[in-house]
Protein backbone atom coordinates (compact mmCIF):
# COMPACT_ATOMS: atom_id res chain seq x y z
CA UNK A 1 0.00 0.00 0.00
CA UNK A 2 2.81 2.40 0.94
CA UNK A 3 4.67 1.53 -2.25
CA UNK A 4 1.56 2.29 -4.31
CA UNK A 5 1.19 5.64 -2.54
CA UNK A 6 4.85 6.41 -3.22
CA UNK A 7 4.40 5.67 -6.93
CA UNK A 8 1.34 7.90 -7.03
CA UNK A 9 3.22 10.74 -5.32
CA UNK A 10 6.13 10.30 -7.73
CA UNK A 11 3.75 10.40 -10.67
CA UNK A 12 2.15 13.62 -9.45
CA UNK A 13 5.56 15.21 -8.87
CA UNK A 14 6.69 14.28 -12.38
CA UNK A 15 3.44 15.60 -13.86
CA UNK A 16 3.94 18.94 -12.11
CA UNK A 17 7.55 19.05 -13.29
CA UNK A 18 6.66 18.34 -16.94
CA UNK A 19 4.00 21.04 -16.81
CA UNK A 20 6.20 23.65 -15.14
CA UNK A 21 9.14 23.14 -17.51
CA UNK A 22 6.97 23.42 -20.62
CA UNK A 23 4.95 26.38 -19.30
CA UNK A 24 7.80 28.33 -17.71
CA UNK A 25 10.86 27.42 -19.81
CA UNK A 26 9.34 26.62 -23.19
CA UNK A 27 9.33 23.80 -25.69
CA UNK A 28 13.04 23.91 -26.51
CA UNK A 29 14.00 23.30 -22.87
CA UNK A 30 11.60 20.43 -22.29
CA UNK A 31 14.08 17.60 -21.76
CA UNK A 32 14.35 14.61 -19.46
CA UNK A 33 17.18 16.38 -17.62
CA UNK A 34 15.12 19.56 -17.11
CA UNK A 35 12.14 17.60 -15.82
CA UNK A 36 14.37 15.65 -13.43
CA UNK A 37 15.81 18.91 -12.09
CA UNK A 38 12.33 20.40 -11.63
CA UNK A 39 11.07 17.25 -9.89
CA UNK A 40 14.19 16.87 -7.75
CA UNK A 41 14.83 13.31 -8.91
CA UNK A 42 17.19 11.36 -11.14
CA UNK A 43 16.98 11.29 -14.92
CA UNK A 44 16.59 7.53 -14.65
CA UNK A 45 13.35 7.91 -12.73
CA UNK A 46 12.00 10.32 -15.36
CA UNK A 47 13.04 8.05 -18.23
CA UNK A 48 11.34 5.09 -16.57
CA UNK A 49 8.04 6.89 -17.15
CA UNK A 50 8.88 9.22 -20.06
CA UNK A 51 11.56 7.70 -22.33
CA UNK A 52 11.74 10.69 -24.70
CA UNK A 53 10.46 14.22 -25.31
CA UNK A 54 7.48 12.97 -27.30
CA UNK A 55 6.30 11.10 -24.20
CA UNK A 56 6.78 14.25 -22.12
CA UNK A 57 4.71 16.29 -24.59
CA UNK A 58 1.95 13.70 -24.80
CA UNK A 59 1.71 13.64 -21.03
CA UNK A 60 1.52 17.45 -20.83
CA UNK A 61 -1.21 17.55 -23.50
CA UNK A 62 -3.25 14.81 -21.84
CA UNK A 63 -2.90 16.52 -18.48
CA UNK A 64 -4.14 19.75 -20.06
CA UNK A 65 -7.09 17.91 -21.62
CA UNK A 66 -8.09 16.29 -18.33
CA UNK A 67 -7.72 19.54 -16.39
CA UNK A 68 -9.86 21.54 -18.78
CA UNK A 69 -12.41 18.74 -19.22
CA UNK A 70 -13.04 18.59 -15.48
CA UNK A 71 -13.34 22.37 -15.32
CA UNK A 72 -15.75 22.74 -18.23
CA UNK A 73 -17.96 19.91 -17.01
CA UNK A 74 -18.22 21.64 -13.64
CA UNK A 75 -19.01 24.97 -15.31
CA UNK A 76 -21.65 23.43 -17.56
CA UNK A 77 -23.39 21.60 -14.73
CA UNK A 78 -23.60 24.77 -12.62
CA UNK A 79 -24.63 27.18 -15.41
CA UNK A 80 -28.06 28.82 -15.37
CA UNK A 81 -28.74 27.81 -18.97
CA UNK A 82 -27.11 26.90 -22.29
CA UNK A 83 -26.09 30.48 -23.13
CA UNK A 84 -24.52 31.00 -19.73
CA UNK A 85 -22.76 27.64 -20.09
CA UNK A 86 -21.45 28.57 -23.54
CA UNK A 87 -20.00 31.84 -22.28
CA UNK A 88 -18.48 30.29 -19.15
CA UNK A 89 -16.84 27.47 -21.10
CA UNK A 90 -15.44 29.73 -23.80
CA UNK A 91 -14.23 32.15 -21.13
CA UNK A 92 -12.27 29.50 -19.23
CA UNK A 93 -10.27 28.81 -22.39
CA UNK A 94 -8.88 32.35 -22.49
CA UNK A 95 -5.66 33.46 -20.78
CA UNK A 96 -7.32 35.38 -17.95
CA UNK A 97 -4.97 34.51 -15.08
CA UNK A 98 -1.66 32.78 -14.46
CA UNK A 99 -3.13 29.28 -14.57
CA UNK A 100 -4.96 29.74 -17.87
CA UNK A 101 -1.98 31.62 -19.29
CA UNK A 102 0.22 28.61 -18.55
CA UNK A 103 -2.38 26.34 -20.11
CA UNK A 104 -2.30 28.43 -23.29
CA UNK A 105 1.51 28.22 -23.38
CA UNK A 106 1.41 24.43 -22.96
CA UNK A 107 -1.20 24.17 -25.73
CA UNK A 108 0.91 26.28 -28.10
CA UNK A 109 4.07 24.37 -27.25
CA UNK A 110 2.39 21.08 -27.97
CA UNK A 111 0.97 22.37 -31.26
CA UNK A 112 4.38 23.63 -32.38
CA UNK A 113 5.89 20.20 -31.77
CA UNK A 114 2.92 18.32 -33.22
CA UNK A 115 3.14 19.86 -36.69
CA UNK A 116 5.98 17.51 -37.67
CA UNK A 117 5.07 14.48 -35.51
CA UNK A 118 2.33 12.07 -36.62
CA UNK A 119 1.56 10.76 -33.13
CA UNK A 120 1.42 14.20 -31.54
CA UNK A 121 -0.72 15.69 -34.30
CA UNK A 122 -3.20 12.83 -33.99
CA UNK A 123 -3.53 13.53 -30.27
CA UNK A 124 -3.98 17.21 -31.02
CA UNK A 125 -6.66 16.57 -33.64
CA UNK A 126 -8.55 14.13 -31.43
CA UNK A 127 -8.74 16.59 -28.54
CA UNK A 128 -9.60 19.51 -30.81
CA UNK A 129 -12.43 17.55 -32.41
CA UNK A 130 -13.82 16.72 -28.98
CA UNK A 131 -13.66 20.42 -28.06
CA UNK A 132 -15.38 21.40 -31.31
CA UNK A 133 -18.14 18.86 -30.68
CA UNK A 134 -18.70 20.25 -27.19
CA UNK A 135 -18.97 23.85 -28.41
CA UNK A 136 -21.26 22.84 -31.28
CA UNK A 137 -23.53 21.07 -28.80
CA UNK A 138 -23.66 24.16 -26.59
CA UNK A 139 -24.33 26.49 -29.53
CA UNK A 140 -27.13 24.19 -30.74
CA UNK A 141 -28.68 24.20 -27.26
CA UNK A 142 -28.39 28.00 -27.07
CA UNK A 143 -29.97 28.49 -30.51
CA UNK A 144 -32.17 25.44 -31.18
CA UNK A 145 -33.77 27.06 -34.23
CA UNK A 146 -30.45 27.23 -36.11
CA UNK A 147 -29.51 24.86 -38.90
CA UNK A 148 -26.63 22.43 -38.28
CA UNK A 149 -24.55 24.35 -40.83
CA UNK A 150 -24.98 27.62 -38.96
CA UNK A 151 -24.25 25.95 -35.63
CA UNK A 152 -21.00 24.49 -36.99
CA UNK A 153 -19.88 27.79 -38.55
CA UNK A 154 -20.56 29.89 -35.46
CA UNK A 155 -18.98 27.30 -33.16
CA UNK A 156 -15.78 27.40 -35.22
CA UNK A 157 -15.82 31.20 -35.23
CA UNK A 158 -16.10 31.31 -31.44
CA UNK A 159 -13.41 28.66 -30.95
CA UNK A 160 -10.90 30.39 -33.21
CA UNK A 161 -11.60 33.78 -31.65
CA UNK A 162 -11.13 32.63 -28.06
CA UNK A 163 -8.10 30.46 -28.79
CA UNK A 164 -6.51 33.25 -30.82
CA UNK A 165 -7.06 35.70 -27.99
CA UNK A 166 -5.59 33.20 -25.52
CA UNK A 167 -2.46 32.83 -27.66
CA UNK A 168 -1.95 36.59 -27.95
CA UNK A 169 -2.64 37.16 -24.25
CA UNK A 170 -0.27 34.38 -23.20
CA UNK A 171 2.54 36.06 -25.12
CA UNK A 172 1.67 39.65 -24.18
CA UNK A 173 -0.64 39.77 -21.14
CA UNK A 174 -0.16 43.50 -20.70
CA UNK A 175 -1.72 44.20 -24.09
CA UNK A 176 -4.60 41.78 -23.53
CA UNK A 177 -5.81 42.18 -19.93
CA UNK A 178 -8.57 39.92 -18.67
CA UNK A 179 -11.24 42.64 -18.91
CA UNK A 180 -10.40 43.25 -22.57
CA UNK A 181 -10.53 39.53 -23.35
CA UNK A 182 -13.95 39.22 -21.73
CA UNK A 183 -15.17 42.27 -23.64
CA UNK A 184 -14.11 40.60 -26.90
CA UNK A 185 -15.90 37.41 -25.94
CA UNK A 186 -19.09 39.28 -25.07
CA UNK A 187 -18.90 41.26 -28.31
CA UNK A 188 -18.58 38.02 -30.30
CA UNK A 189 -21.48 36.35 -28.48
CA UNK A 190 -23.65 39.44 -28.94
CA UNK A 191 -22.79 39.63 -32.64
CA UNK A 192 -24.00 36.05 -33.06
CA UNK A 193 -27.07 36.66 -30.85
CA UNK A 194 -25.81 34.15 -28.29
CA UNK A 195 -25.17 36.40 -25.29
CA UNK A 196 -26.73 35.43 -21.96
CA UNK A 197 -29.48 37.83 -20.94
CA UNK A 198 -27.38 40.05 -18.61
CA UNK A 199 -24.84 40.64 -21.40
CA UNK A 200 -27.49 41.09 -24.05
CA UNK A 201 -29.08 43.88 -22.00
CA UNK A 202 -25.81 45.58 -21.03
CA UNK A 203 -24.99 48.88 -22.68
CA UNK A 204 -21.96 48.76 -25.02
CA UNK A 205 -20.55 51.71 -23.08
CA UNK A 206 -20.07 49.44 -20.05
CA UNK A 207 -17.50 47.31 -21.89
CA UNK A 208 -13.89 48.26 -21.13
CA UNK A 209 -12.00 49.87 -23.97
CA UNK A 210 -9.39 47.75 -25.68
CA UNK A 211 -5.82 48.99 -25.43
């Protein structure tokens, strides 16, 4: 039992180390040696679980997927309705604080590596398709009178807008503060007639000005 607990603790420590190296030091410095240093363990222990950088990247991407999946499921279950759920779930994917900024950096690092790696790009596509299906489902619930074609188009527009904003904000948070990101999200939802009631009724003058 103690040995199992030790393995679990080691696994969690290695997961945190993989995440911190990729988020704080970047893709080029994600190595077995760097992860071992961050975890305070030997390179042999890291290689026992992650034999190469591809394995490190896959683990970081899967950890990101599980983290965001748990968060969005919680947000959806507690939302007042489909429009509120759509906004909350799109919002959590933006780089609004240090945690979501790191998540955006990990996502971009994985994508950069995946472009030339068949296994990594397949993981990326699988997770992105699951995300697209979730947003399409939420858009369809928020606008049940829409055709499937319109639902798919608007869902893609919202995904690309929020992920693009997250990428820019992760690289330059001073130019894209949280309030400005939320204003962009609300403007996009309003333009597509998908804003929750409080945002639909709000005056445009209440939105913070973009820098």
